[in-house]
Amino acid sequence: MRGWMGRFRSLFLFGALTMLLTGCGIENISALKPKGYGSELLFDLMLISIAIMVFVFVIVMAIYAFVLLRYREKKGQEHIVPKQTEGNKALEVIWTVIPIILLLVLAIPTVQATFDLADQSTQGDEGVLTVDVTGNQYWWQFDYADQEISTSQEIYIPTNERVYLNMKASDVIHSFWVPAIAGKMDTIPGENMNTMYLEAYEEGVYEGFCAELCGPSHSLMYFKVIAVSPDKFDQWVEDMQNIDPEETASASEGKQLFNDNCMSCHAIGGASAGVGPNLGNFANREKIAGVLQPSKDNLVDWILHPDEVKPGNQMPAQLVEPGEAEKIADYLLELDHSDVGKDLEMQSVEE
């Protein structure tokens, strides 16, 4: 008895710890704290699924307990065989019809949500924002064609507005996922184009991930969706369309070194880059290469040894000397073209 009670106590404590840990998480990352239209639809479907599973579990356990107690072997009745119910048509109908009903209860809202999330009826309408998204190993590029803006790793969107994303990949299959505001969508190489939309309810910095294994640095392929009010978004667009950085003397030489060594892959401003990301507004980013804290030392380390930070990425190592890398870092850290979203990013860092 003591051994059985010990196992039960351990199982209870493990279950309680599991329930406690399910409440842990970071704001604006968890799919269980929806902050957008798409994630809210998916969360409602999860609740329906859980309710159905709990209902089935309770019914099955109730029947199990009843049979266990009602037909348990009793002293003096060791050889009694309970009445068999094989071929009972009523039971056959019940346990066939009930699962069908439960599947319909789940299927109907699932199909409705699927068509809702695939709706593109307003794409292309005046005032509706569309962004071209390209997945690369191991970073994301965002092109605002109508606004002539190109960015990477951070996508700015206005709150409470539907923003369409036309998605593809440049190399292998990736999967775009922002758990707190939307579901997943694959990006496919070639001519294939998938479309989804984002609609965030409130301002914030929302973590995004690649949800498709795409190489050795797949787990480091982060990005951020920065949702701001429509007025702030308009200000951000204006700032990005009028990039004219004022360089200090210490960064002037770094700019020339960047132009000589890096512009074949990267770009500054609204132009699309080559095989590397657009670095306009670089100093506003919360992370370097999506993973490093923003500091000059980390940036120099990334310039000199990118493969040590993100194995398998296409950036060549040791392209410049350490002293030249420091000057390039000085230049990049002055590419601070917009204050929009800074307060949100600082709040995200503190949390």
Protein backbone atom coordinates (compact mmCIF):
# COMPACT_ATOMS: atom_id res chain seq x y z
CA MET A 1 0.00 0.00 0.00
CA ARG A 2 2.83 2.37 0.90
CA GLY A 3 4.50 1.80 -2.49
CA TRP A 4 1.24 2.44 -4.32
CA MET A 5 0.64 5.65 -2.36
CA GLY A 6 4.20 6.80 -3.10
CA ARG A 7 3.69 6.34 -6.82
CA PHE A 8 0.36 8.14 -6.67
CA ARG A 9 1.93 11.06 -4.78
CA SER A 10 4.73 11.32 -7.34
CA LEU A 11 2.24 11.23 -10.20
CA PHE A 12 0.11 13.92 -8.55
CA LEU A 13 3.11 16.19 -7.95
CA PHE A 14 4.30 15.69 -11.54
CA GLY A 15 0.82 16.53 -12.85
CA ALA A 16 0.59 19.63 -10.66
CA LEU A 17 4.03 20.80 -11.81
CA THR A 18 3.02 20.25 -15.44
CA MET A 19 -0.12 22.35 -14.98
CA LEU A 20 1.91 25.08 -13.29
CA LEU A 21 4.50 25.21 -16.06
CA THR A 22 1.83 25.48 -18.75
CA GLY A 23 1.11 28.93 -17.37
CA CYS A 24 4.70 30.08 -17.96
CA GLY A 25 5.58 32.02 -21.07
CA ILE A 26 6.54 35.36 -22.53
CA GLU A 27 3.98 37.93 -23.59
CA ASN A 28 3.51 38.32 -27.35
CA ILE A 29 4.97 34.87 -28.10
CA SER A 30 2.43 32.35 -26.88
CA ALA A 31 -0.36 31.10 -29.13
CA LEU A 32 -2.40 30.70 -25.94
CA LYS A 33 -2.54 34.49 -25.53
CA PRO A 34 -3.97 35.56 -28.89
CA LYS A 35 -3.36 39.18 -29.88
CA GLY A 36 -4.60 39.00 -33.47
CA TYR A 37 -7.53 37.87 -35.58
CA GLY A 38 -5.88 34.73 -36.96
CA SER A 39 -4.51 33.55 -33.63
CA GLU A 40 -7.90 34.17 -32.01
CA LEU A 41 -9.62 31.91 -34.54
CA LEU A 42 -7.05 29.17 -33.94
CA PHE A 43 -7.31 29.56 -30.17
CA ASP A 44 -11.10 29.11 -30.34
CA LEU A 45 -10.60 25.91 -32.35
CA MET A 46 -8.16 24.66 -29.72
CA LEU A 47 -10.75 25.27 -27.01
CA ILE A 48 -13.38 23.34 -28.97
CA SER A 49 -10.93 20.45 -29.48
CA ILE A 50 -10.03 20.39 -25.78
CA ALA A 51 -13.71 20.46 -24.77
CA ILE A 52 -14.45 17.49 -27.05
CA MET A 53 -11.44 15.55 -25.74
CA VAL A 54 -12.41 16.24 -22.11
CA PHE A 55 -15.99 15.15 -22.81
CA VAL A 56 -14.82 11.87 -24.43
CA PHE A 57 -12.33 11.26 -21.63
CA VAL A 58 -14.95 11.74 -18.91
CA ILE A 59 -17.46 9.45 -20.64
CA VAL A 60 -14.88 6.72 -21.28
CA MET A 61 -13.56 6.86 -17.72
CA ALA A 62 -17.10 6.80 -16.31
CA ILE A 63 -17.92 3.68 -18.36
CA TYR A 64 -14.59 2.15 -17.36
CA ALA A 65 -15.21 2.81 -13.66
CA PHE A 66 -18.76 1.44 -13.90
CA VAL A 67 -17.64 -1.78 -15.58
CA LEU A 68 -14.69 -2.17 -13.19
CA LEU A 69 -16.91 -1.87 -10.12
CA ARG A 70 -20.07 -3.53 -11.43
CA TYR A 71 -18.45 -6.61 -12.93
CA ARG A 72 -15.41 -7.08 -10.73
CA GLU A 73 -14.72 -10.60 -9.59
CA LYS A 74 -16.30 -11.32 -6.19
CA LYS A 75 -15.67 -14.06 -3.71
CA GLY A 76 -17.76 -17.07 -4.54
CA GLN A 77 -18.43 -15.86 -8.11
CA GLU A 78 -15.07 -16.69 -9.70
CA HIS A 79 -16.60 -18.69 -12.55
CA ILE A 80 -19.57 -16.46 -13.35
CA VAL A 81 -19.43 -14.90 -16.82
CA PRO A 82 -21.37 -11.61 -17.20
CA LYS A 83 -24.03 -11.38 -19.87
CA GLN A 84 -22.40 -10.58 -23.20
CA THR A 85 -23.59 -7.64 -25.30
CA GLU A 86 -21.99 -8.62 -28.61
CA GLY A 87 -24.21 -7.63 -31.52
CA ASN A 88 -26.25 -5.13 -29.49
CA LYS A 89 -27.58 -2.85 -32.25
CA ALA A 90 -28.46 0.00 -29.91
CA LEU A 91 -24.90 0.20 -28.55
CA GLU A 92 -23.43 -0.14 -32.05
CA VAL A 93 -25.50 2.82 -33.24
CA ILE A 94 -24.66 4.93 -30.17
CA TRP A 95 -20.89 4.55 -30.38
CA THR A 96 -20.98 5.15 -34.13
CA VAL A 97 -23.27 8.18 -34.17
CA ILE A 98 -21.72 10.01 -31.20
CA PRO A 99 -18.18 10.20 -32.74
CA ILE A 100 -19.70 11.42 -36.02
CA ILE A 101 -21.52 14.20 -34.16
CA LEU A 102 -18.35 15.16 -32.29
CA LEU A 103 -16.39 15.28 -35.55
CA LEU A 104 -19.03 17.52 -37.11
CA VAL A 105 -18.92 19.83 -34.08
CA LEU A 106 -15.18 20.25 -34.70
CA ALA A 107 -15.24 20.13 -38.52
CA ILE A 108 -17.79 22.88 -39.15
CA PRO A 109 -15.94 25.73 -37.34
CA THR A 110 -12.61 24.38 -38.66
CA VAL A 111 -13.77 24.61 -42.28
CA GLN A 112 -15.24 28.07 -41.64
CA ALA A 113 -11.96 29.27 -40.09
CA THR A 114 -9.93 27.76 -42.96
CA PHE A 115 -11.89 29.71 -45.57
CA ASP A 116 -11.82 32.84 -43.40
CA LEU A 117 -8.03 32.75 -43.02
CA ALA A 118 -7.63 32.14 -46.77
CA ASP A 119 -9.86 35.11 -47.67
CA GLN A 120 -8.16 37.49 -50.10
CA SER A 121 -11.23 39.47 -51.11
CA THR A 122 -9.83 42.83 -50.02
CA GLN A 123 -6.27 42.34 -51.24
CA GLY A 124 -5.43 44.95 -53.81
CA ASP A 125 -8.08 47.38 -52.61
CA GLU A 126 -7.07 50.99 -52.12
CA GLY A 127 -5.44 51.54 -48.75
CA VAL A 128 -4.86 47.83 -48.09
CA LEU A 129 -1.22 47.10 -47.30
CA THR A 130 0.56 44.23 -49.07
CA VAL A 131 4.08 43.07 -48.20
CA ASP A 132 6.23 40.64 -50.19
CA VAL A 133 7.94 38.18 -47.84
CA THR A 134 10.97 36.10 -48.82
CA GLY A 135 12.39 33.37 -46.61
CA ASN A 136 16.17 32.89 -46.82
CA GLN A 137 18.70 30.83 -44.92
CA TYR A 138 18.46 32.14 -42.17
CA TRP A 139 16.69 35.50 -42.34
CA TRP A 140 13.55 37.14 -43.68
CA GLN A 141 13.17 39.90 -46.23
CA PHE A 142 10.14 42.23 -46.35
CA ASP A 143 9.43 44.36 -49.42
CA TYR A 144 6.73 47.05 -49.34
CA ALA A 145 6.38 47.39 -53.12
CA ASP A 146 3.84 50.23 -53.12
CA GLN A 147 5.87 52.22 -50.59
CA GLU A 148 9.25 51.36 -52.20
CA ILE A 149 10.63 50.17 -48.87
CA SER A 150 12.70 47.06 -48.24
CA THR A 151 13.59 45.78 -44.77
CA SER A 152 14.70 42.56 -43.14
CA GLN A 153 14.17 40.75 -39.85
CA GLU A 154 11.55 43.28 -38.69
CA ILE A 155 8.22 43.94 -40.37
CA TYR A 156 6.15 46.98 -39.36
CA ILE A 157 2.35 46.77 -39.66
CA PRO A 158 -0.53 49.04 -38.57
CA THR A 159 -2.84 47.75 -35.84
CA ASN A 160 -6.45 46.70 -36.51
CA GLU A 161 -5.84 46.56 -40.25
CA ARG A 162 -5.52 43.51 -42.47
CA VAL A 163 -2.00 43.27 -43.94
CA TYR A 164 -1.54 40.75 -46.75
CA LEU A 165 1.71 38.84 -47.14
CA ASN A 166 2.76 37.37 -50.51
CA MET A 167 5.25 34.70 -49.52
CA LYS A 168 8.00 32.72 -51.25
CA ALA A 169 11.45 31.28 -50.50
CA SER A 170 14.77 31.85 -52.22
CA ASP A 171 16.40 28.53 -51.36
CA VAL A 172 14.55 25.85 -49.35
CA ILE A 173 11.10 25.57 -47.76
CA HIS A 174 10.61 27.83 -44.75
CA SER A 175 7.51 28.42 -42.62
CA PHE A 176 6.42 31.86 -41.43
CA TRP A 177 4.86 31.78 -37.96
CA VAL A 178 3.89 34.55 -35.53
CA PRO A 179 2.17 32.58 -32.73
CA ALA A 180 0.52 35.52 -30.96
CA ILE A 181 -1.22 37.02 -34.00
CA ALA A 182 -1.45 34.41 -36.79
CA GLY A 183 -0.98 30.81 -37.84
CA LYS A 184 1.73 29.29 -40.01
CA MET A 185 2.30 29.56 -43.75
CA ASP A 186 5.00 27.82 -45.78
CA THR A 187 7.24 29.73 -48.16
CA ILE A 188 8.12 27.63 -51.22
CA PRO A 189 11.07 28.09 -53.64
CA GLY A 190 10.38 28.82 -57.29
CA GLU A 191 7.28 30.42 -58.74
CA ASN A 192 4.95 29.23 -55.98
CA MET A 193 3.38 32.09 -54.01
CA ASN A 194 1.42 31.59 -50.81
CA THR A 195 -0.68 34.37 -49.28
CA MET A 196 -1.82 35.00 -45.73
CA TYR A 197 -2.71 38.07 -43.71
CA LEU A 198 -1.81 39.55 -40.34
CA GLU A 199 -4.16 41.60 -38.20
CA ALA A 200 -2.85 42.67 -34.79
CA TYR A 201 -5.27 44.04 -32.21
CA GLU A 202 -2.81 46.10 -30.18
CA GLU A 203 0.60 47.69 -30.41
CA GLY A 204 3.52 45.50 -29.53
CA VAL A 205 6.58 43.56 -30.66
CA TYR A 206 5.55 40.04 -31.64
CA GLU A 207 8.11 37.26 -31.95
CA GLY A 208 8.17 35.28 -35.19
CA PHE A 209 9.87 32.01 -36.07
CA CYS A 210 10.61 29.69 -38.95
CA ALA A 211 8.54 26.57 -38.25
CA GLU A 212 10.05 24.37 -40.98
CA LEU A 213 13.43 22.66 -40.55
CA CYS A 214 15.59 24.46 -43.12
CA GLY A 215 19.20 23.81 -42.15
CA PRO A 216 21.71 23.89 -39.27
CA SER A 217 20.64 27.38 -38.10
CA HIS A 218 16.90 26.81 -38.42
CA SER A 219 16.38 27.40 -34.69
CA LEU A 220 18.03 30.85 -35.04
CA MET A 221 15.78 32.08 -37.85
CA TYR A 222 13.87 34.64 -35.80
CA PHE A 223 12.09 37.80 -36.88
CA LYS A 224 9.79 40.37 -35.31
CA VAL A 225 6.43 41.84 -36.22
CA ILE A 226 6.17 45.37 -34.84
CA ALA A 227 2.56 46.54 -34.71
CA VAL A 228 2.04 50.27 -34.30
CA SER A 229 -0.93 52.59 -34.64
CA PRO A 230 -1.85 53.64 -38.22
CA ASP A 231 -0.51 57.16 -37.58
CA LYS A 232 2.82 55.81 -36.35
CA PHE A 233 2.99 53.44 -39.29
CA ASP A 234 2.52 56.32 -41.72
CA GLN A 235 5.33 58.14 -39.92
CA TRP A 236 7.58 55.07 -40.19
CA VAL A 237 6.90 54.85 -43.94
CA GLU A 238 7.81 58.53 -44.34
CA ASP A 239 11.01 58.06 -42.32
CA MET A 240 12.05 55.04 -44.38
CA GLN A 241 11.32 56.79 -47.67
CA ASN A 242 13.54 59.71 -46.73
CA ILE A 243 16.68 58.02 -45.48
CA ASP A 244 19.54 60.48 -45.35
CA PRO A 245 21.86 59.40 -42.52
CA GLU A 246 24.14 61.97 -40.94
CA GLU A 247 27.45 60.23 -40.42
CA THR A 248 30.00 61.20 -37.84
CA ALA A 249 33.63 61.34 -38.83
CA SER A 250 34.26 57.96 -37.21
CA ALA A 251 31.63 56.32 -39.45
CA SER A 252 32.56 57.95 -42.77
CA GLU A 253 35.43 55.56 -43.42
CA GLY A 254 33.20 52.68 -42.37
CA LYS A 255 30.63 53.71 -44.98
CA GLN A 256 33.27 53.57 -47.72
CA LEU A 257 34.46 50.17 -46.50
CA PHE A 258 30.85 48.96 -46.46
CA ASN A 259 30.29 50.21 -50.02
CA ASP A 260 33.48 48.52 -51.22
CA ASN A 261 33.01 45.17 -49.49
CA CYS A 262 29.35 44.66 -48.60
CA MET A 263 27.08 46.36 -51.14
CA SER A 264 27.26 43.44 -53.58
CA CYS A 265 25.12 41.48 -51.10
CA HIS A 266 23.42 44.14 -48.96
CA ALA A 267 21.59 47.40 -49.53
CA ILE A 268 20.79 50.52 -47.54
CA GLY A 269 17.45 52.28 -47.86
CA GLY A 270 14.49 51.24 -49.97
CA ALA A 271 16.31 49.10 -52.53
CA SER A 272 16.08 45.32 -52.46
CA ALA A 273 19.31 43.63 -51.44
CA GLY A 274 21.10 40.74 -53.10
CA VAL A 275 21.76 37.52 -51.20
CA GLY A 276 21.94 39.43 -47.91
CA PRO A 277 19.37 41.49 -46.03
CA ASN A 278 18.66 45.19 -46.46
CA LEU A 279 20.40 47.00 -43.60
CA GLY A 280 18.45 50.26 -43.67
CA ASN A 281 17.41 51.31 -40.17
CA PHE A 282 19.91 48.77 -38.82
CA ALA A 283 20.52 50.62 -35.56
CA ASN A 284 16.81 50.39 -34.66
CA ARG A 285 16.83 46.60 -34.59
CA GLU A 286 16.49 44.80 -31.32
CA LYS A 287 18.89 41.98 -32.32
CA ILE A 288 21.90 41.60 -34.61
CA ALA A 289 21.37 38.76 -37.13
CA GLY A 290 18.21 38.00 -35.19
CA VAL A 291 20.10 36.47 -32.25
CA LEU A 292 22.82 38.78 -30.84
CA GLN A 293 22.31 41.66 -28.44
CA PRO A 294 22.92 45.03 -30.18
CA SER A 295 26.44 46.10 -29.29
CA LYS A 296 29.50 47.06 -31.27
CA ASP A 297 31.49 44.05 -30.05
CA ASN A 298 28.75 41.62 -31.11
CA LEU A 299 28.42 43.31 -34.49
CA VAL A 300 32.17 43.13 -35.12
CA ASP A 301 32.13 39.46 -34.10
CA TRP A 302 29.27 38.82 -36.52
CA ILE A 303 31.08 40.60 -39.39
CA LEU A 304 34.28 38.63 -38.83
CA HIS A 305 32.88 35.20 -37.86
CA PRO A 306 29.26 34.88 -39.09
CA ASP A 307 29.37 31.09 -39.38
CA GLU A 308 30.14 30.77 -35.67
CA VAL A 309 26.92 32.64 -34.88
CA LYS A 310 24.68 31.09 -37.55
CA PRO A 311 26.23 27.93 -39.01
CA GLY A 312 25.48 27.46 -42.69
CA ASN A 313 24.59 31.08 -43.50
CA GLN A 314 25.85 32.57 -46.78
CA MET A 315 27.79 35.52 -45.38
CA PRO A 316 31.54 35.12 -46.07
CA ALA A 317 33.83 35.10 -43.05
CA GLN A 318 36.87 37.33 -42.51
CA LEU A 319 36.00 39.50 -45.54
CA VAL A 320 37.69 42.50 -43.89
CA GLU A 321 40.33 43.02 -41.25
CA PRO A 322 39.31 43.47 -37.58
CA GLY A 323 40.04 47.20 -37.64
CA GLU A 324 37.96 47.63 -40.80
CA ALA A 325 35.14 45.63 -39.22
CA GLU A 326 35.06 48.08 -36.32
CA LYS A 327 34.70 51.02 -38.70
CA ILE A 328 31.91 49.27 -40.60
CA ALA A 329 30.21 48.62 -37.26
CA ASP A 330 30.44 52.33 -36.41
CA TYR A 331 28.68 53.12 -39.67
CA LEU A 332 25.93 50.51 -39.30
CA LEU A 333 25.19 51.55 -35.73
CA GLU A 334 24.43 55.07 -36.96
CA LEU A 335 21.73 53.89 -39.39
CA ASP A 336 18.97 55.08 -37.09
CA HIS A 337 16.35 56.51 -39.41
CA SER A 338 13.11 56.22 -37.43
CA ASP A 339 12.06 56.47 -33.81
CA VAL A 340 8.77 54.69 -34.49
CA GLY A 341 8.50 51.50 -32.45
CA LYS A 342 11.53 52.24 -30.27
CA ASP A 343 9.46 52.44 -27.11
CA LEU A 344 7.82 49.10 -27.93
CA GLU A 345 11.16 47.43 -28.60
CA MET A 346 12.65 48.77 -25.35
CA GLN A 347 9.62 47.43 -23.48
CA SER A 348 10.13 44.06 -25.19
CA VAL A 349 13.78 43.96 -24.14
CA GLU A 350 12.90 44.76 -20.51
CA GLU A 351 10.26 41.99 -20.41
